[in-house]
Protein backbone atom coordinates (compact mmCIF):
# COMPACT_ATOMS: atom_id res chain seq x y z
CA UNK A 1 209.81 -47.92 111.37
CA UNK A 2 211.42 -50.96 112.89
CA UNK A 3 211.69 -53.82 110.42
CA UNK A 4 210.80 -57.36 111.47
CA UNK A 5 212.57 -59.61 109.01
CA UNK A 6 211.14 -62.92 107.85
CA UNK A 7 212.87 -65.98 109.25
CA UNK A 8 214.63 -66.48 105.90
CA UNK A 9 216.00 -62.94 105.69
CA UNK A 10 216.96 -62.99 109.37
CA UNK A 11 219.18 -65.99 108.59
CA UNK A 12 220.68 -64.19 105.59
CA UNK A 13 221.38 -61.15 107.79
CA UNK A 14 223.53 -63.25 110.14
CA UNK A 15 226.12 -63.69 107.37
CA UNK A 16 226.48 -60.02 106.45
CA UNK A 17 229.86 -58.84 107.81
CA UNK A 18 230.07 -56.10 110.42
CA UNK A 19 230.66 -52.64 108.88
CA UNK A 20 230.03 -53.89 105.35
CA UNK A 21 228.91 -51.66 102.52
CA UNK A 22 226.06 -53.76 101.14
CA UNK A 23 224.46 -54.15 97.76
CA UNK A 24 221.12 -55.93 98.09
CA UNK A 25 220.01 -57.08 94.63
CA UNK A 26 216.24 -57.40 94.18
CA UNK A 27 215.84 -55.73 97.53
CA UNK A 28 212.18 -56.62 98.19
CA UNK A 29 211.07 -53.35 99.85
CA UNK A 30 214.62 -52.72 101.21
CA UNK A 31 213.74 -54.66 104.37
CA UNK A 32 217.15 -56.32 104.72
CA UNK A 33 219.33 -53.19 104.46
CA UNK A 34 216.95 -51.23 106.71
CA UNK A 35 217.09 -53.93 109.40
CA UNK A 36 220.89 -54.22 109.16
CA UNK A 37 221.31 -50.46 109.60
CA UNK A 38 218.84 -50.36 112.50
CA UNK A 39 220.94 -53.08 114.15
CA UNK A 40 224.17 -51.11 113.43
CA UNK A 41 225.61 -54.04 111.46
CA UNK A 42 226.46 -52.26 108.19
CA UNK A 43 227.81 -48.81 107.32
CA UNK A 44 225.53 -48.12 104.37
CA UNK A 45 223.70 -49.90 101.57
CA UNK A 46 222.46 -49.79 98.02
CA UNK A 47 219.08 -51.39 97.43
CA UNK A 48 218.82 -52.45 93.81
CA UNK A 49 215.48 -53.02 92.07
CA UNK A 50 214.82 -53.71 88.43
CA UNK A 51 211.00 -53.24 88.57
CA UNK A 52 209.38 -49.84 89.12
CA UNK A 53 206.78 -50.97 91.70
CA UNK A 54 209.22 -52.60 94.17
CA UNK A 55 211.63 -49.71 93.56
CA UNK A 56 209.01 -47.18 94.66
CA UNK A 57 208.13 -49.35 97.66
CA UNK A 58 211.79 -49.51 98.70
CA UNK A 59 212.16 -45.71 98.34
CA UNK A 60 209.09 -45.19 100.54
CA UNK A 61 210.34 -47.61 103.22
CA UNK A 62 213.79 -46.00 103.31
CA UNK A 63 212.18 -42.57 103.76
CA UNK A 64 209.87 -43.90 106.51
CA UNK A 65 212.89 -45.33 108.32
CA UNK A 66 214.73 -42.00 108.18
CA UNK A 67 217.65 -43.69 106.45
CA UNK A 68 217.95 -41.93 103.05
CA UNK A 69 221.47 -40.80 103.98
CA UNK A 70 222.51 -44.44 104.56
CA UNK A 71 220.53 -46.39 101.92
CA UNK A 72 220.39 -45.43 98.27
CA UNK A 73 217.66 -47.14 96.26
CA UNK A 74 218.60 -47.56 92.61
CA UNK A 75 216.52 -48.71 89.66
CA UNK A 76 218.97 -51.02 87.91
CA UNK A 77 219.41 -54.57 86.68
CA UNK A 78 221.52 -56.80 88.94
CA UNK A 79 225.09 -55.64 89.55
CA UNK A 80 224.55 -52.60 87.32
CA UNK A 81 223.26 -51.00 90.56
CA UNK A 82 226.80 -50.23 91.72
CA UNK A 83 230.21 -49.16 90.47
CA UNK A 84 233.71 -49.06 92.03
CA UNK A 85 233.26 -45.65 93.65
CA UNK A 86 230.51 -47.13 95.85
CA UNK A 87 233.12 -49.32 97.61
CA UNK A 88 230.65 -52.19 98.04
CA UNK A 89 232.14 -55.04 100.11
CA UNK A 90 229.22 -57.51 100.36
CA UNK A 91 226.38 -58.52 98.06
CA UNK A 92 223.12 -60.24 98.96
CA UNK A 93 220.90 -61.83 96.30
CA UNK A 94 217.86 -63.61 97.73
CA UNK A 95 214.63 -65.20 96.59
CA UNK A 96 215.53 -66.00 92.98
CA UNK A 97 216.36 -69.17 91.11
CA UNK A 98 219.95 -70.40 91.24
CA UNK A 99 220.33 -70.05 87.49
CA UNK A 100 219.11 -66.43 87.56
CA UNK A 101 221.50 -65.59 90.42
CA UNK A 102 224.32 -67.14 88.37
CA UNK A 103 223.31 -65.03 85.36
CA UNK A 104 223.29 -61.86 87.48
CA UNK A 105 226.78 -62.63 88.83
CA UNK A 106 228.06 -63.56 85.36
CA UNK A 107 226.76 -60.32 83.81
CA UNK A 108 228.64 -58.22 86.37
CA UNK A 109 231.55 -60.46 87.26
CA UNK A 110 234.18 -57.87 86.33
CA UNK A 111 232.89 -55.90 89.36
CA UNK A 112 233.35 -58.72 91.88
CA UNK A 113 237.11 -58.34 92.48
CA UNK A 114 236.70 -56.04 95.49
CA UNK A 115 233.72 -57.90 96.96
CA UNK A 116 234.62 -59.70 100.18
CA UNK A 117 231.50 -61.83 100.53
CA UNK A 118 228.47 -63.05 98.58
CA UNK A 119 225.40 -64.15 100.56
CA UNK A 120 223.07 -65.97 98.18
CA UNK A 121 219.67 -67.54 98.77
CA UNK A 122 218.52 -69.44 95.70
CA UNK A 123 214.98 -70.84 95.54
CA UNK A 124 216.05 -73.70 93.26
CA UNK A 125 218.91 -74.93 91.04
CA UNK A 126 221.41 -74.59 93.86
CA UNK A 127 223.72 -76.91 91.90
CA UNK A 128 223.92 -74.41 89.02
CA UNK A 129 224.91 -71.67 91.45
CA UNK A 130 227.57 -73.78 93.15
CA UNK A 131 228.97 -74.64 89.73
CA UNK A 132 229.17 -70.95 88.78
CA UNK A 133 230.95 -70.11 92.03
CA UNK A 134 233.46 -72.91 91.48
CA UNK A 135 234.15 -71.87 87.89
CA UNK A 136 234.69 -68.23 88.91
CA UNK A 137 237.11 -68.70 91.79
CA UNK A 138 234.75 -68.43 94.70
CA UNK A 139 234.72 -70.90 97.55
CA UNK A 140 231.70 -71.69 99.70
CA UNK A 141 232.57 -70.85 103.30
CA UNK A 142 229.18 -71.65 104.86
CA UNK A 143 225.78 -73.09 103.97
CA UNK A 144 222.58 -73.54 105.89
CA UNK A 145 219.27 -75.14 105.09
CA UNK A 146 216.07 -73.97 106.75
CA UNK A 147 212.29 -74.01 106.40
CA UNK A 148 209.74 -71.23 106.35
CA UNK A 149 206.07 -71.58 105.44
CA UNK A 150 206.64 -75.23 104.53
CA UNK A 151 209.28 -74.35 101.95
CA UNK A 152 212.94 -75.31 102.09
CA UNK A 153 215.60 -72.66 101.59
CA UNK A 154 219.36 -72.91 101.26
CA UNK A 155 221.69 -70.01 101.99
CA UNK A 156 225.13 -70.14 100.35
CA UNK A 157 227.94 -67.88 101.57
CA UNK A 158 230.96 -67.49 99.29
CA UNK A 159 234.27 -65.63 99.32
CA UNK A 160 237.18 -65.46 96.89
CA UNK A 161 239.13 -68.71 96.69
CA UNK A 162 239.23 -72.00 94.85
CA UNK A 163 237.26 -75.17 95.44
CA UNK A 164 236.77 -78.42 93.58
CA UNK A 165 233.35 -79.93 94.20
CA UNK A 166 232.32 -83.36 93.00
CA UNK A 167 228.89 -83.96 91.48
CA UNK A 168 227.39 -84.94 94.83
CA UNK A 169 228.72 -81.81 96.54
CA UNK A 170 227.36 -79.66 93.72
CA UNK A 171 223.94 -81.20 94.13
CA UNK A 172 223.65 -81.43 97.90
CA UNK A 173 226.10 -78.76 99.09
CA UNK A 174 229.56 -79.48 100.55
CA UNK A 175 228.79 -78.12 104.03
CA UNK A 176 225.21 -79.41 104.09
CA UNK A 177 226.47 -82.90 103.18
CA UNK A 178 228.78 -82.91 106.19
CA UNK A 179 226.17 -81.66 108.64
CA UNK A 180 223.15 -83.61 107.31
CA UNK A 181 220.65 -81.90 109.59
CA UNK A 182 217.11 -83.16 110.11
CA UNK A 183 215.84 -80.43 107.77
CA UNK A 184 218.34 -81.51 105.12
CA UNK A 185 217.07 -85.12 105.34
CA UNK A 186 213.44 -83.95 105.19
CA UNK A 187 214.06 -81.89 102.08
CA UNK A 188 215.73 -84.73 100.23
CA UNK A 189 213.19 -87.30 101.35
CA UNK A 190 210.51 -85.08 99.84
CA UNK A 191 212.57 -84.84 96.66
CA UNK A 192 212.90 -88.64 96.61
CA UNK A 193 209.11 -88.96 96.96
CA UNK A 194 208.59 -86.66 93.96
CA UNK A 195 211.03 -88.66 91.86
CA UNK A 196 209.40 -91.94 92.91
CA UNK A 197 206.02 -90.61 91.84
CA UNK A 198 207.47 -89.44 88.51
CA UNK A 199 209.08 -92.87 88.03
CA UNK A 200 205.76 -94.60 88.62
CA UNK A 201 204.22 -92.44 85.89
CA UNK A 202 206.82 -93.24 83.20
CA UNK A 203 205.82 -96.12 80.89
CA UNK A 204 207.85 -99.33 81.15
CA UNK A 205 209.19 -98.97 77.60
CA UNK A 206 210.83 -95.59 78.41
CA UNK A 207 213.86 -97.26 79.92
CA UNK A 208 216.28 -94.32 79.62
CA UNK A 209 213.93 -91.93 81.45
CA UNK A 210 213.22 -94.51 84.14
CA UNK A 211 216.93 -95.24 84.65
CA UNK A 212 217.75 -91.54 85.05
CA UNK A 213 215.12 -91.24 87.78
CA UNK A 214 216.37 -94.40 89.50
CA UNK A 215 219.95 -93.04 89.51
CA UNK A 216 218.82 -89.79 91.13
CA UNK A 217 216.69 -91.65 93.69
CA UNK A 218 219.53 -94.04 94.56
CA UNK A 219 221.92 -91.16 95.20
CA UNK A 220 219.41 -89.44 97.50
CA UNK A 221 218.86 -92.66 99.47
CA UNK A 222 222.61 -93.16 99.87
CA UNK A 223 222.99 -89.62 101.18
CA UNK A 224 220.11 -89.56 103.65
CA UNK A 225 220.51 -93.12 104.91
CA UNK A 226 224.16 -92.50 105.70
CA UNK A 227 223.22 -89.33 107.55
CA UNK A 228 224.95 -88.64 110.78
């Protein structure tokens, strides 16, 4: 079976290094590792699933693709799906909240020493994830922002190294801030609109809450109006 990746996963796939040994956490039917092997990008993969249903689905898809010698599907929580003898070099974690991805990395961080690259696609709380990476000696080497089905997605690629991000870079993304694409501006304009609506709903006497919203809105306006 030839896998047709979603636009989001196709973008993630572009950042997986050639000849990597991949761990795909929360593998979502094992589509990503199957596609990467069909394209001869990676050597082999582990597809990790923590829920029985998706695990069985991934097993079935790997069998249908005639790749059971190249992809091992494991029922395990997060980074518990691999150990040093697997020689994993890259990890993908996609389609979860930024805080949950941070928790997964934190729970298995003693295993990350030999990992060459993390490719992460948080659905929200990207700032939490960037903060975790910074605090744990990872540097962001690339970021993209994209849309699919009217939703905005950010992909964060990190490797070992140090970085010092300010609060604005944590919130908006250091690379995304420099590029300020049309999609980036659209995402943050929509966020500004949500905050403006929330502000209009807060009673006048709730000054602290209103001021917090105004501060966030002002920062967004400064960022998108100074866009290149």
